[in-house]
Amino acid sequence: MKKVLDDAINGITLLSNLDYINDKRIGTLGHSYGGYTVLFLSALDERIALSCASGSACTYEN
């Protein structure tokens, strides 16, 4: 997960440096393992304005 989160944070950094990207409106979307990634990434990176996780949190407690 650390490698995946590091890669995602690097991707957000690259996006936010593009002139045509509104860096106040960056969002994330993920399903299954991607959903877990979205949950953890949203907790770690304050630049994310919106997150949508599907098929991940329903079994988090287990």
PDB file of N, CA and C in Angstrom:
ATOM      1  N   MET A   1       0.819  -1.177   0.000  1.00  0.00           N
ATOM      2  CA  MET A   1       0.000   0.000   0.000  1.00  0.00           C
ATOM      3  C   MET A   1       0.877   1.260   0.000  1.00  0.00           C
ATOM      4  N   LYS A   2       2.002   1.235   0.708  1.00  0.00           N
ATOM      5  CA  LYS A   2       2.846   2.432   0.738  1.00  0.00           C
ATOM      6  C   LYS A   2       3.300   2.831  -0.664  1.00  0.00           C
ATOM      7  N   LYS A   3       3.709   1.854  -1.460  1.00  0.00           N
ATOM      8  CA  LYS A   3       4.156   2.150  -2.835  1.00  0.00           C
ATOM      9  C   LYS A   3       3.008   2.716  -3.667  1.00  0.00           C
ATOM     10  N   VAL A   4       1.828   2.135  -3.535  1.00  0.00           N
ATOM     11  CA  VAL A   4       0.658   2.613  -4.278  1.00  0.00           C
ATOM     12  C   VAL A   4       0.319   4.035  -3.865  1.00  0.00           C
ATOM     13  N   LEU A   5       0.331   4.314  -2.567  1.00  0.00           N
ATOM     14  CA  LEU A   5       0.027   5.665  -2.087  1.00  0.00           C
ATOM     15  C   LEU A   5       1.089   6.664  -2.529  1.00  0.00           C
ATOM     16  N   ASP A   6       2.346   6.269  -2.467  1.00  0.00           N
ATOM     17  CA  ASP A   6       3.423   7.157  -2.951  1.00  0.00           C
ATOM     18  C   ASP A   6       3.227   7.493  -4.430  1.00  0.00           C
ATOM     19  N   ASP A   7       2.881   6.495  -5.221  1.00  0.00           N
ATOM     20  CA  ASP A   7       2.652   6.729  -6.659  1.00  0.00           C
ATOM     21  C   ASP A   7       1.462   7.659  -6.878  1.00  0.00           C
ATOM     22  N   ALA A   8       0.388   7.451  -6.121  1.00  0.00           N
ATOM     23  CA  ALA A   8      -0.804   8.291  -6.265  1.00  0.00           C
ATOM     24  C   ALA A   8      -0.514   9.735  -5.851  1.00  0.00           C
ATOM     25  N   ILE A   9       0.228   9.912  -4.774  1.00  0.00           N
ATOM     26  CA  ILE A   9       0.593  11.259  -4.325  1.00  0.00           C
ATOM     27  C   ILE A   9       1.466  11.941  -5.372  1.00  0.00           C
ATOM     28  N   ASN A  10       2.382  11.197  -5.975  1.00  0.00           N
ATOM     29  CA  ASN A  10       3.209  11.765  -7.057  1.00  0.00           C
ATOM     30  C   ASN A  10       2.340  12.158  -8.250  1.00  0.00           C
ATOM     31  N   GLY A  11       1.340  11.347  -8.552  1.00  0.00           N
ATOM     32  CA  GLY A  11       0.419  11.671  -9.649  1.00  0.00           C
ATOM     33  C   GLY A  11      -0.368  12.935  -9.372  1.00  0.00           C
ATOM     34  N   ILE A  12      -0.817  13.105  -8.143  1.00  0.00           N
ATOM     35  CA  ILE A  12      -1.551  14.316  -7.774  1.00  0.00           C
ATOM     36  C   ILE A  12      -0.638  15.537  -7.864  1.00  0.00           C
ATOM     37  N   THR A  13       0.601  15.369  -7.457  1.00  0.00           N
ATOM     38  CA  THR A  13       1.569  16.467  -7.566  1.00  0.00           C
ATOM     39  C   THR A  13       1.759  16.864  -9.028  1.00  0.00           C
ATOM     40  N   LEU A  14       1.908  15.880  -9.905  1.00  0.00           N
ATOM     41  CA  LEU A  14       2.063  16.178 -11.333  1.00  0.00           C
ATOM     42  C   LEU A  14       0.822  16.874 -11.886  1.00  0.00           C
ATOM     43  N   LEU A  15      -0.360  16.361 -11.552  1.00  0.00           N
ATOM     44  CA  LEU A  15      -1.596  16.990 -12.025  1.00  0.00           C
ATOM     45  C   LEU A  15      -1.717  18.432 -11.548  1.00  0.00           C
ATOM     46  N   SER A  16      -1.430  18.653 -10.275  1.00  0.00           N
ATOM     47  CA  SER A  16      -1.620  19.988  -9.713  1.00  0.00           C
ATOM     48  C   SER A  16      -0.663  21.020 -10.311  1.00  0.00           C
ATOM     49  N   ASN A  17       0.403  20.563 -10.949  1.00  0.00           N
ATOM     50  CA  ASN A  17       1.361  21.484 -11.573  1.00  0.00           C
ATOM     51  C   ASN A  17       1.017  21.826 -13.016  1.00  0.00           C
ATOM     52  N   LEU A  18      -0.016  21.200 -13.578  1.00  0.00           N
ATOM     53  CA  LEU A  18      -0.427  21.505 -14.942  1.00  0.00           C
ATOM     54  C   LEU A  18      -1.273  22.774 -14.962  1.00  0.00           C
ATOM     55  N   ASP A  19      -1.031  23.633 -15.946  1.00  0.00           N
ATOM     56  CA  ASP A  19      -1.729  24.914 -16.031  1.00  0.00           C
ATOM     57  C   ASP A  19      -3.237  24.774 -16.187  1.00  0.00           C
ATOM     58  N   TYR A  20      -3.688  23.747 -16.873  1.00  0.00           N
ATOM     59  CA  TYR A  20      -5.118  23.602 -17.172  1.00  0.00           C
ATOM     60  C   TYR A  20      -5.878  22.784 -16.119  1.00  0.00           C
ATOM     61  N   ILE A  21      -5.228  22.452 -15.015  1.00  0.00           N
ATOM     62  CA  ILE A  21      -5.870  21.715 -13.926  1.00  0.00           C
ATOM     63  C   ILE A  21      -6.138  22.669 -12.763  1.00  0.00           C
ATOM     64  N   ASN A  22      -7.382  22.660 -12.286  1.00  0.00           N
ATOM     65  CA  ASN A  22      -7.730  23.415 -11.084  1.00  0.00           C
ATOM     66  C   ASN A  22      -7.336  22.558  -9.889  1.00  0.00           C
ATOM     67  N   ASP A  23      -6.250  22.898  -9.240  1.00  0.00           N
ATOM     68  CA  ASP A  23      -5.727  22.051  -8.166  1.00  0.00           C
ATOM     69  C   ASP A  23      -6.585  22.061  -6.913  1.00  0.00           C
ATOM     70  N   LYS A  24      -7.628  22.868  -6.880  1.00  0.00           N
ATOM     71  CA  LYS A  24      -8.571  22.869  -5.754  1.00  0.00           C
ATOM     72  C   LYS A  24      -9.723  21.899  -5.985  1.00  0.00           C
ATOM     73  N   ARG A  25      -9.742  21.255  -7.173  1.00  0.00           N
ATOM     74  CA  ARG A  25     -10.855  20.372  -7.530  1.00  0.00           C
ATOM     75  C   ARG A  25     -10.379  18.991  -7.983  1.00  0.00           C
ATOM     76  N   ILE A  26      -9.309  18.511  -7.391  1.00  0.00           N
ATOM     77  CA  ILE A  26      -8.801  17.184  -7.730  1.00  0.00           C
ATOM     78  C   ILE A  26      -9.575  16.146  -6.920  1.00  0.00           C
ATOM     79  N   GLY A  27     -10.029  15.108  -7.605  1.00  0.00           N
ATOM     80  CA  GLY A  27     -10.790  14.057  -6.949  1.00  0.00           C
ATOM     81  C   GLY A  27     -10.188  12.695  -7.221  1.00  0.00           C
ATOM     82  N   THR A  28     -10.626  11.710  -6.449  1.00  0.00           N
ATOM     83  CA  THR A  28     -10.161  10.339  -6.628  1.00  0.00           C
ATOM     84  C   THR A  28     -11.360   9.398  -6.688  1.00  0.00           C
ATOM     85  N   LEU A  29     -11.179   8.310  -7.415  1.00  0.00           N
ATOM     86  CA  LEU A  29     -12.227   7.311  -7.588  1.00  0.00           C
ATOM     87  C   LEU A  29     -11.566   5.945  -7.634  1.00  0.00           C
ATOM     88  N   GLY A  30     -12.119   4.991  -6.901  1.00  0.00           N
ATOM     89  CA  GLY A  30     -11.536   3.655  -6.937  1.00  0.00           C
ATOM     90  C   GLY A  30     -12.531   2.592  -6.542  1.00  0.00           C
ATOM     91  N   HIS A  31     -12.328   1.394  -7.060  1.00  0.00           N
ATOM     92  CA  HIS A  31     -13.172   0.249  -6.739  1.00  0.00           C
ATOM     93  C   HIS A  31     -12.294  -0.896  -6.253  1.00  0.00           C
ATOM     94  N   SER A  32     -12.765  -1.643  -5.261  1.00  0.00           N
ATOM     95  CA  SER A  32     -12.062  -2.788  -4.698  1.00  0.00           C
ATOM     96  C   SER A  32     -10.741  -2.310  -4.086  1.00  0.00           C
ATOM     97  N   TYR A  33      -9.609  -2.811  -4.535  1.00  0.00           N
ATOM     98  CA  TYR A  33      -8.327  -2.359  -3.983  1.00  0.00           C
ATOM     99  C   TYR A  33      -8.134  -0.866  -4.235  1.00  0.00           C
ATOM    100  N   GLY A  34      -8.619  -0.397  -5.374  1.00  0.00           N
ATOM    101  CA  GLY A  34      -8.580   1.035  -5.658  1.00  0.00           C
ATOM    102  C   GLY A  34      -9.414   1.835  -4.663  1.00  0.00           C
ATOM    103  N   GLY A  35     -10.501   1.232  -4.190  1.00  0.00           N
ATOM    104  CA  GLY A  35     -11.317   1.881  -3.167  1.00  0.00           C
ATOM    105  C   GLY A  35     -10.564   2.046  -1.863  1.00  0.00           C
ATOM    106  N   TYR A  36      -9.833   1.010  -1.467  1.00  0.00           N
ATOM    107  CA  TYR A  36      -8.987   1.130  -0.273  1.00  0.00           C
ATOM    108  C   TYR A  36      -7.928   2.204  -0.477  1.00  0.00           C
ATOM    109  N   THR A  37      -7.358   2.240  -1.654  1.00  0.00           N
ATOM    110  CA  THR A  37      -6.360   3.259  -1.961  1.00  0.00           C
ATOM    111  C   THR A  37      -6.952   4.650  -1.808  1.00  0.00           C
ATOM    112  N   VAL A  38      -8.161   4.847  -2.336  1.00  0.00           N
ATOM    113  CA  VAL A  38      -8.845   6.137  -2.219  1.00  0.00           C
ATOM    114  C   VAL A  38      -9.060   6.508  -0.756  1.00  0.00           C
ATOM    115  N   LEU A  39      -9.502   5.549   0.062  1.00  0.00           N
ATOM    116  CA  LEU A  39      -9.754   5.831   1.480  1.00  0.00           C
ATOM    117  C   LEU A  39      -8.491   6.306   2.190  1.00  0.00           C
ATOM    118  N   PHE A  40      -7.404   5.572   2.012  1.00  0.00           N
ATOM    119  CA  PHE A  40      -6.158   5.940   2.678  1.00  0.00           C
ATOM    120  C   PHE A  40      -5.559   7.210   2.082  1.00  0.00           C
ATOM    121  N   LEU A  41      -5.613   7.349   0.769  1.00  0.00           N
ATOM    122  CA  LEU A  41      -5.062   8.531   0.112  1.00  0.00           C
ATOM    123  C   LEU A  41      -5.794   9.792   0.561  1.00  0.00           C
ATOM    124  N   SER A  42      -7.100   9.700   0.685  1.00  0.00           N
ATOM    125  CA  SER A  42      -7.886  10.862   1.113  1.00  0.00           C
ATOM    126  C   SER A  42      -7.534  11.292   2.532  1.00  0.00           C
ATOM    127  N   ALA A  43      -7.186  10.325   3.355  1.00  0.00           N
ATOM    128  CA  ALA A  43      -6.794  10.648   4.729  1.00  0.00           C
ATOM    129  C   ALA A  43      -5.402  11.275   4.790  1.00  0.00           C
ATOM    130  N   LEU A  44      -4.555  10.978   3.819  1.00  0.00           N
ATOM    131  CA  LEU A  44      -3.176  11.438   3.853  1.00  0.00           C
ATOM    132  C   LEU A  44      -2.892  12.696   3.039  1.00  0.00           C
ATOM    133  N   ASP A  45      -3.689  12.965   2.025  1.00  0.00           N
ATOM    134  CA  ASP A  45      -3.395  14.076   1.121  1.00  0.00           C
ATOM    135  C   ASP A  45      -4.528  15.102   1.149  1.00  0.00           C
ATOM    136  N   GLU A  46      -4.262  16.245   1.743  1.00  0.00           N
ATOM    137  CA  GLU A  46      -5.285  17.290   1.901  1.00  0.00           C
ATOM    138  C   GLU A  46      -5.652  17.983   0.592  1.00  0.00           C
ATOM    139  N   ARG A  47      -4.923  17.729  -0.466  1.00  0.00           N
ATOM    140  CA  ARG A  47      -5.231  18.363  -1.751  1.00  0.00           C
ATOM    141  C   ARG A  47      -6.429  17.724  -2.440  1.00  0.00           C
ATOM    142  N   ILE A  48      -6.866  16.590  -1.995  1.00  0.00           N
ATOM    143  CA  ILE A  48      -7.994  15.892  -2.614  1.00  0.00           C
ATOM    144  C   ILE A  48      -9.294  16.521  -2.135  1.00  0.00           C
ATOM    145  N   ALA A  49     -10.082  17.000  -3.090  1.00  0.00           N
ATOM    146  CA  ALA A  49     -11.332  17.690  -2.759  1.00  0.00           C
ATOM    147  C   ALA A  49     -12.518  16.728  -2.678  1.00  0.00           C
ATOM    148  N   LEU A  50     -12.454  15.622  -3.395  1.00  0.00           N
ATOM    149  CA  LEU A  50     -13.568  14.683  -3.445  1.00  0.00           C
ATOM    150  C   LEU A  50     -13.024  13.274  -3.607  1.00  0.00           C
ATOM    151  N   SER A  51     -13.633  12.332  -2.901  1.00  0.00           N
ATOM    152  CA  SER A  51     -13.235  10.934  -3.034  1.00  0.00           C
ATOM    153  C   SER A  51     -14.463  10.059  -3.146  1.00  0.00           C
ATOM    154  N   CYS A  52     -14.371   9.050  -3.994  1.00  0.00           N
ATOM    155  CA  CYS A  52     -15.452   8.094  -4.169  1.00  0.00           C
ATOM    156  C   CYS A  52     -14.848   6.694  -4.132  1.00  0.00           C
ATOM    157  N   ALA A  53     -15.193   5.927  -3.095  1.00  0.00           N
ATOM    158  CA  ALA A  53     -14.681   4.567  -2.945  1.00  0.00           C
ATOM    159  C   ALA A  53     -15.835   3.593  -3.080  1.00  0.00           C
ATOM    160  N   SER A  54     -15.649   2.583  -3.921  1.00  0.00           N
ATOM    161  CA  SER A  54     -16.681   1.584  -4.166  1.00  0.00           C
ATOM    162  C   SER A  54     -16.132   0.195  -3.882  1.00  0.00           C
ATOM    163  N   GLY A  55     -16.931  -0.635  -3.240  1.00  0.00           N
ATOM    164  CA  GLY A  55     -16.542  -2.019  -3.027  1.00  0.00           C
ATOM    165  C   GLY A  55     -15.330  -2.201  -2.146  1.00  0.00           C
ATOM    166  N   SER A  56     -15.158  -1.326  -1.160  1.00  0.00           N
ATOM    167  CA  SER A  56     -13.978  -1.457  -0.321  1.00  0.00           C
ATOM    168  C   SER A  56     -14.322  -1.442   1.161  1.00  0.00           C
ATOM    169  N   ALA A  57     -15.056  -0.497   1.613  1.00  0.00           N
ATOM    170  CA  ALA A  57     -15.288  -0.310   3.053  1.00  0.00           C
ATOM    171  C   ALA A  57     -16.224  -1.344   3.645  1.00  0.00           C
ATOM    172  N   CYS A  58     -16.983  -2.052   2.835  1.00  0.00           N
ATOM    173  CA  CYS A  58     -17.959  -2.998   3.383  1.00  0.00           C
ATOM    174  C   CYS A  58     -17.298  -4.144   4.142  1.00  0.00           C
ATOM    175  N   THR A  59     -16.038  -4.464   3.836  1.00  0.00           N
ATOM    176  CA  THR A  59     -15.363  -5.552   4.541  1.00  0.00           C
ATOM    177  C   THR A  59     -14.137  -5.054   5.310  1.00  0.00           C
ATOM    178  N   TYR A  60     -14.026  -3.757   5.516  1.00  0.00           N
ATOM    179  CA  TYR A  60     -12.843  -3.214   6.167  1.00  0.00           C
ATOM    180  C   TYR A  60     -12.672  -3.761   7.579  1.00  0.00           C
ATOM    181  N   GLU A  61     -13.766  -3.879   8.339  1.00  0.00           N
ATOM    182  CA  GLU A  61     -13.680  -4.370   9.710  1.00  0.00           C
ATOM    183  C   GLU A  61     -13.155  -5.803   9.757  1.00  0.00           C
ATOM    184  N   ASN A  62     -13.561  -6.624   8.808  1.00  0.00           N
ATOM    185  CA  ASN A  62     -13.109  -8.023   8.776  1.00  0.00           C
ATOM    186  C   ASN A  62     -11.637  -8.104   8.435  1.00  0.00           C
TER     187      ASN A  62
END
